[in-house]
C-alpha cells in the first residue's frame, strides 16, 4: 500500500457489466499501446523540486531529511489515515507552482510525444487533435522498508478507457529505492518486467489493458512518483464515467 494524493475509486455494481460503454470513433492505434520511455530535461521541468517543496509544507504527513525526497520519513501508519490522504490531495490541488510545472510538462513534453507517435502510425493524425489529460496527476509515496505494495491490476478495473495512454514519472532515484513499476508487454502476456523509467525518464505504457504492479519497497528510502493518463480524441470519450466511480479524475484539454 502507498499513500496517494487521489481519492479516485470505484465501487462494484451488479449492473456494471451491462452499463453503457464509451462512445469512440476509432480504436487507439496499436503503436500507442507499445511500452516506451520518454526522456526529458529535469532542469526545465523540475517536478521533483516542486513535490519536495509541497511535502515540506505537510509536517503532519512526515519529515523531509536533508532536502531529499528519498529521505522523506512518513508518519507512522500514514497510509491508514484518510485524513492525511485528504491533506495530501488538497495540498496538490492548491499548489499553483506544482500544477504549473505539471501543465508545462504535459504541454511541452508528454502531448508532443504522443502526437509524434500518432502521426508516425498514420499521417491522418497530423490534423489538429484534442488530447484530454488528467489534472492533477496522482502523487504516490511508498516508504521503506515495508512489505506493503501495489497489487497486480489493470486500469480498466478502475474506470479507465482503452483510448488512454499511461505516463509514470519517478521522482526518486531507482539507485536508492530499488523499487519501480512492473508491467506486462501486452494484455494477458504475463511477462512482467521492470519499467525502464528513472529520474529524467518517464515511462509510457497502455495501463488500461496491460496489468502492472509495484513490489514492496525493501530499501530504507521512500519512493515517490507521479502518474497520469492522456486520452486521445476519437479514441476516448470525455463524457463517459464507469458506473460506481467516486471522485473521478478531472481533465483538461490540449489541441495539437
Protein backbone atom coordinates (compact mmCIF):
# COMPACT_ATOMS: atom_id res chain seq x y z
CA UNK A 1 0.00 0.00 0.00
CA UNK A 2 1.17 3.55 -0.74
CA UNK A 3 -0.05 6.99 0.27
CA UNK A 4 -1.58 8.72 -2.75
CA UNK A 5 -2.99 12.14 -3.46
CA UNK A 6 -6.01 10.98 -5.47
CA UNK A 7 -9.31 9.91 -3.87
CA UNK A 8 -10.47 8.31 -7.15
CA UNK A 9 -12.01 4.90 -6.53
CA UNK A 10 -14.77 2.62 -7.82
CA UNK A 11 -17.49 0.60 -6.15
CA UNK A 12 -18.72 -2.65 -7.63
CA UNK A 13 -22.18 -2.61 -9.19
CA UNK A 14 -24.11 -5.65 -10.38
CA UNK A 15 -25.22 -3.59 -13.37
CA UNK A 16 -21.65 -2.67 -14.33
CA UNK A 17 -21.18 -5.41 -16.99
CA UNK A 18 -24.25 -4.10 -18.84
CA UNK A 19 -23.55 -0.40 -18.30
CA UNK A 20 -23.06 2.00 -21.19
CA UNK A 21 -19.64 1.76 -22.82
CA UNK A 22 -17.53 4.72 -24.01
CA UNK A 23 -18.54 6.11 -27.39
CA UNK A 24 -15.48 6.29 -29.69
CA UNK A 25 -14.95 6.76 -33.42
CA UNK A 26 -11.73 4.80 -33.84
CA UNK A 27 -9.63 2.45 -31.69
CA UNK A 28 -6.40 3.67 -30.15
CA UNK A 29 -3.65 2.81 -32.68
CA UNK A 30 -1.59 -0.25 -31.81
CA UNK A 31 1.55 1.89 -31.90
CA UNK A 32 0.32 3.79 -28.84
CA UNK A 33 -0.15 0.54 -26.92
CA UNK A 34 3.56 -0.27 -27.04
CA UNK A 35 5.60 0.45 -23.92
CA UNK A 36 8.39 3.01 -24.16
CA UNK A 37 10.21 5.65 -22.11
CA UNK A 38 10.30 9.39 -22.61
CA UNK A 39 13.45 11.34 -21.63
CA UNK A 40 13.04 14.96 -20.53
CA UNK A 41 15.04 17.88 -19.16
CA UNK A 42 14.72 17.84 -15.37
CA UNK A 43 16.00 21.40 -15.05
CA UNK A 44 13.29 22.69 -17.38
CA UNK A 45 10.60 20.52 -15.77
CA UNK A 46 11.53 20.34 -12.08
CA UNK A 47 8.61 18.29 -10.83
CA UNK A 48 10.86 16.66 -8.23
CA UNK A 49 11.69 20.06 -6.76
CA UNK A 50 8.05 21.12 -6.74
CA UNK A 51 6.97 17.96 -4.91
CA UNK A 52 9.82 18.38 -2.43
CA UNK A 53 8.57 21.89 -1.63
CA UNK A 54 4.99 20.64 -1.37
CA UNK A 55 5.90 17.96 1.18
CA UNK A 56 7.88 20.44 3.25
CA UNK A 57 4.54 22.16 3.88
CA UNK A 58 2.90 18.98 5.22
CA UNK A 59 4.61 18.20 8.55
CA UNK A 60 1.70 16.02 9.70
CA UNK A 61 2.42 13.63 6.83
CA UNK A 62 6.14 13.31 7.50
CA UNK A 63 9.55 14.97 7.65
CA UNK A 64 11.93 15.67 4.82
CA UNK A 65 15.54 14.87 5.77
CA UNK A 66 18.48 16.56 4.05
CA UNK A 67 16.16 18.06 1.44
CA UNK A 68 15.89 14.76 -0.45
CA UNK A 69 12.65 13.08 -1.44
CA UNK A 70 14.28 9.70 -0.93
CA UNK A 71 14.76 10.62 2.74
CA UNK A 72 11.17 11.64 3.37
CA UNK A 73 10.17 9.97 6.66
CA UNK A 74 6.48 9.16 6.58
CA UNK A 75 4.43 9.49 9.76
CA UNK A 76 3.72 6.06 11.30
CA UNK A 77 0.72 4.37 9.67
CA UNK A 78 0.08 7.40 7.46
CA UNK A 79 -1.18 5.01 4.80
CA UNK A 80 -4.11 4.15 7.10
CA UNK A 81 -5.21 7.76 7.57
CA UNK A 82 -7.90 9.07 5.23
CA UNK A 83 -7.42 12.49 6.81
CA UNK A 84 -3.73 12.60 5.82
CA UNK A 85 -4.53 11.34 2.35
CA UNK A 86 -7.10 14.14 2.09
CA UNK A 87 -4.48 16.66 3.24
CA UNK A 88 -2.10 15.45 0.55
CA UNK A 89 -4.83 15.61 -2.10
CA UNK A 90 -5.84 19.13 -1.06
CA UNK A 91 -2.20 20.28 -1.00
CA UNK A 92 -1.66 19.04 -4.56
CA UNK A 93 -4.85 20.78 -5.73
CA UNK A 94 -3.84 24.06 -4.07
CA UNK A 95 -0.20 24.18 -5.19
CA UNK A 96 -0.18 26.55 -8.17
CA UNK A 97 3.58 26.21 -8.70
CA UNK A 98 3.41 22.42 -8.84
CA UNK A 99 0.37 22.42 -11.14
CA UNK A 100 2.01 24.98 -13.40
CA UNK A 101 5.11 22.81 -13.72
CA UNK A 102 2.92 19.79 -14.41
CA UNK A 103 0.90 21.63 -17.09
CA UNK A 104 4.16 22.67 -18.73
CA UNK A 105 5.42 19.09 -18.77
CA UNK A 106 2.20 17.81 -20.33
CA UNK A 107 2.07 20.64 -22.89
CA UNK A 108 5.74 20.64 -23.90
CA UNK A 109 6.78 17.01 -23.43
CA UNK A 110 4.01 14.45 -22.97
CA UNK A 111 1.42 15.51 -25.56
CA UNK A 112 4.01 16.21 -28.31
CA UNK A 113 5.42 12.72 -27.67
CA UNK A 114 2.01 11.10 -28.14
CA UNK A 115 1.24 13.27 -31.17
CA UNK A 116 4.52 12.26 -32.83
CA UNK A 117 3.75 8.58 -32.33
CA UNK A 118 0.22 9.01 -33.69
CA UNK A 119 1.46 10.72 -36.86
CA UNK A 120 4.14 8.06 -37.34
CA UNK A 121 1.40 5.43 -37.21
CA UNK A 122 -0.94 7.25 -39.61
CA UNK A 123 -0.45 10.65 -41.26
CA UNK A 124 -4.15 11.41 -40.86
CA UNK A 125 -3.34 12.20 -37.21
CA UNK A 126 -1.33 15.22 -38.43
CA UNK A 127 -4.55 17.26 -38.32
CA UNK A 128 -5.17 19.18 -35.06
CA UNK A 129 -6.15 16.68 -32.38
CA UNK A 130 -7.64 17.21 -28.92
CA UNK A 131 -5.94 15.47 -26.01
CA UNK A 132 -7.56 15.08 -22.58
CA UNK A 133 -5.10 14.92 -19.73
CA UNK A 134 -5.69 14.03 -16.10
CA UNK A 135 -5.26 17.04 -13.80
CA UNK A 136 -3.93 16.90 -11.20
CA UNK A 137 -1.71 13.85 -11.56
CA UNK A 138 -1.63 11.29 -8.76
CA UNK A 139 1.30 11.63 -6.37
CA UNK A 140 2.29 8.35 -4.70
CA UNK A 141 4.63 7.88 -1.75
CA UNK A 142 5.92 4.43 -0.81
CA UNK A 143 8.17 4.44 2.26
CA UNK A 144 10.54 1.61 3.07
CA UNK A 145 11.40 -0.79 4.35
CA UNK A 146 7.93 -2.29 4.16
CA UNK A 147 6.10 -5.32 2.82
CA UNK A 148 3.27 -3.13 1.53
CA UNK A 149 2.87 -3.00 -2.22
CA UNK A 150 0.53 -2.13 -5.09
CA UNK A 151 -1.27 -5.27 -6.23
CA UNK A 152 -1.33 -6.50 -9.82
CA UNK A 153 -4.16 -4.83 -11.75
CA UNK A 154 -5.17 -3.15 -14.98
CA UNK A 155 -6.76 0.30 -15.01
CA UNK A 156 -9.94 -0.83 -16.78
CA UNK A 157 -10.92 -2.14 -13.34
CA UNK A 158 -10.97 1.45 -12.11
CA UNK A 159 -12.90 3.08 -14.92
CA UNK A 160 -10.13 3.98 -17.37
CA UNK A 161 -10.67 3.72 -21.10
CA UNK A 162 -8.81 1.88 -23.87
CA UNK A 163 -8.29 5.26 -25.59
CA UNK A 164 -5.94 6.46 -22.84
CA UNK A 165 -2.16 6.24 -22.50
CA UNK A 166 -0.50 5.95 -19.07
CA UNK A 167 2.52 8.00 -18.05
CA UNK A 168 4.51 7.07 -14.94
CA UNK A 169 7.11 9.58 -13.78
CA UNK A 170 9.56 8.63 -11.00
CA UNK A 171 10.53 11.44 -8.65
CA UNK A 172 13.13 9.44 -6.70
CA UNK A 173 16.25 7.58 -7.72
CA UNK A 174 16.00 3.88 -8.50
CA UNK A 175 19.61 3.56 -7.30
CA UNK A 176 18.33 4.36 -3.80
CA UNK A 177 14.91 2.70 -3.63
CA UNK A 178 15.49 -0.26 -5.97
CA UNK A 179 11.72 -0.17 -6.43
CA UNK A 180 9.85 0.56 -9.65
CA UNK A 181 6.70 -0.25 -11.61
CA UNK A 182 6.46 -3.70 -13.19
CA UNK A 183 4.35 -4.11 -16.34
CA UNK A 184 3.42 -6.76 -18.87
CA UNK A 185 4.13 -6.10 -22.56
CA UNK A 186 0.57 -6.79 -23.70
CA UNK A 187 -2.83 -7.72 -22.26
CA UNK A 188 -2.51 -11.13 -20.62
CA UNK A 189 1.12 -11.56 -21.72
CA UNK A 190 2.16 -12.34 -18.13
CA UNK A 191 5.76 -11.32 -18.96
CA UNK A 192 6.16 -8.82 -16.15
CA UNK A 193 9.33 -6.75 -16.19
CA UNK A 194 10.53 -3.52 -14.56
CA UNK A 195 9.65 -0.35 -16.43
CA UNK A 196 12.88 1.31 -17.55
CA UNK A 197 11.97 4.67 -16.01
CA UNK A 198 14.07 6.76 -13.62
CA UNK A 199 14.84 10.38 -12.84
CA UNK A 200 14.58 12.29 -16.12
CA UNK A 201 12.91 9.38 -17.92
CA UNK A 202 9.13 8.92 -17.86
CA UNK A 203 7.52 5.55 -18.56
CA UNK A 204 4.74 5.35 -21.17
CA UNK A 205 2.53 2.28 -21.44
CA UNK A 206 -1.05 1.11 -22.06
CA UNK A 207 -2.14 0.53 -18.47
CA UNK A 208 -5.85 0.23 -19.20
CA UNK A 209 -5.35 -3.30 -20.54
CA UNK A 210 -1.77 -4.17 -19.57
CA UNK A 211 -1.50 -5.27 -15.95
CA UNK A 212 1.04 -3.66 -13.69
CA UNK A 213 2.10 -3.53 -10.04
CA UNK A 214 4.69 -2.14 -7.64
CA UNK A 215 6.51 -4.63 -5.37
CA UNK A 216 7.38 -3.91 -1.72
CA UNK A 217 9.99 -1.24 -1.12
CA UNK A 218 12.68 -3.12 0.80
CA UNK A 219 15.08 -0.16 0.93
CA UNK A 220 15.42 2.38 3.73
CA UNK A 221 14.33 5.14 1.36
CA UNK A 222 10.95 6.47 0.19
CA UNK A 223 9.83 6.01 -3.39
CA UNK A 224 7.85 8.88 -4.92
CA UNK A 225 6.21 9.07 -8.34
CA UNK A 226 3.57 10.84 -10.40
CA UNK A 227 1.17 9.03 -12.68
CA UNK A 228 -1.47 10.29 -15.05
CA UNK A 229 -3.26 9.45 -18.26
CA UNK A 230 -3.85 11.20 -21.57
CA UNK A 231 -6.89 10.41 -23.71
CA UNK A 232 -6.86 10.87 -27.49
CA UNK A 233 -9.94 12.44 -29.08
CA UNK A 234 -11.80 9.96 -31.26
CA UNK A 235 -10.43 7.07 -29.21
CA UNK A 236 -11.52 8.49 -25.85
CA UNK A 237 -14.95 9.55 -24.61
CA UNK A 238 -14.60 12.55 -22.25
CA UNK A 239 -18.23 12.29 -21.13
CA UNK A 240 -18.10 8.65 -20.02
CA UNK A 241 -17.74 7.53 -16.39
CA UNK A 242 -17.73 3.91 -15.20
CA UNK A 243 -20.75 3.13 -13.07
CA UNK A 244 -19.72 3.14 -9.41
CA UNK A 245 -16.85 5.64 -9.83
CA UNK A 246 -16.34 8.03 -6.91
CA UNK A 247 -14.36 11.30 -7.26
CA UNK A 248 -13.41 10.72 -10.90
CA UNK A 249 -10.25 12.38 -12.24
CA UNK A 250 -10.64 15.87 -13.69
CA UNK A 251 -9.42 16.50 -17.24
CA UNK A 252 -8.04 19.41 -19.22
CA UNK A 253 -7.81 19.76 -22.99
CA UNK A 254 -4.85 20.48 -25.23
CA UNK A 255 -5.17 20.77 -29.02
CA UNK A 256 -2.08 19.95 -31.07
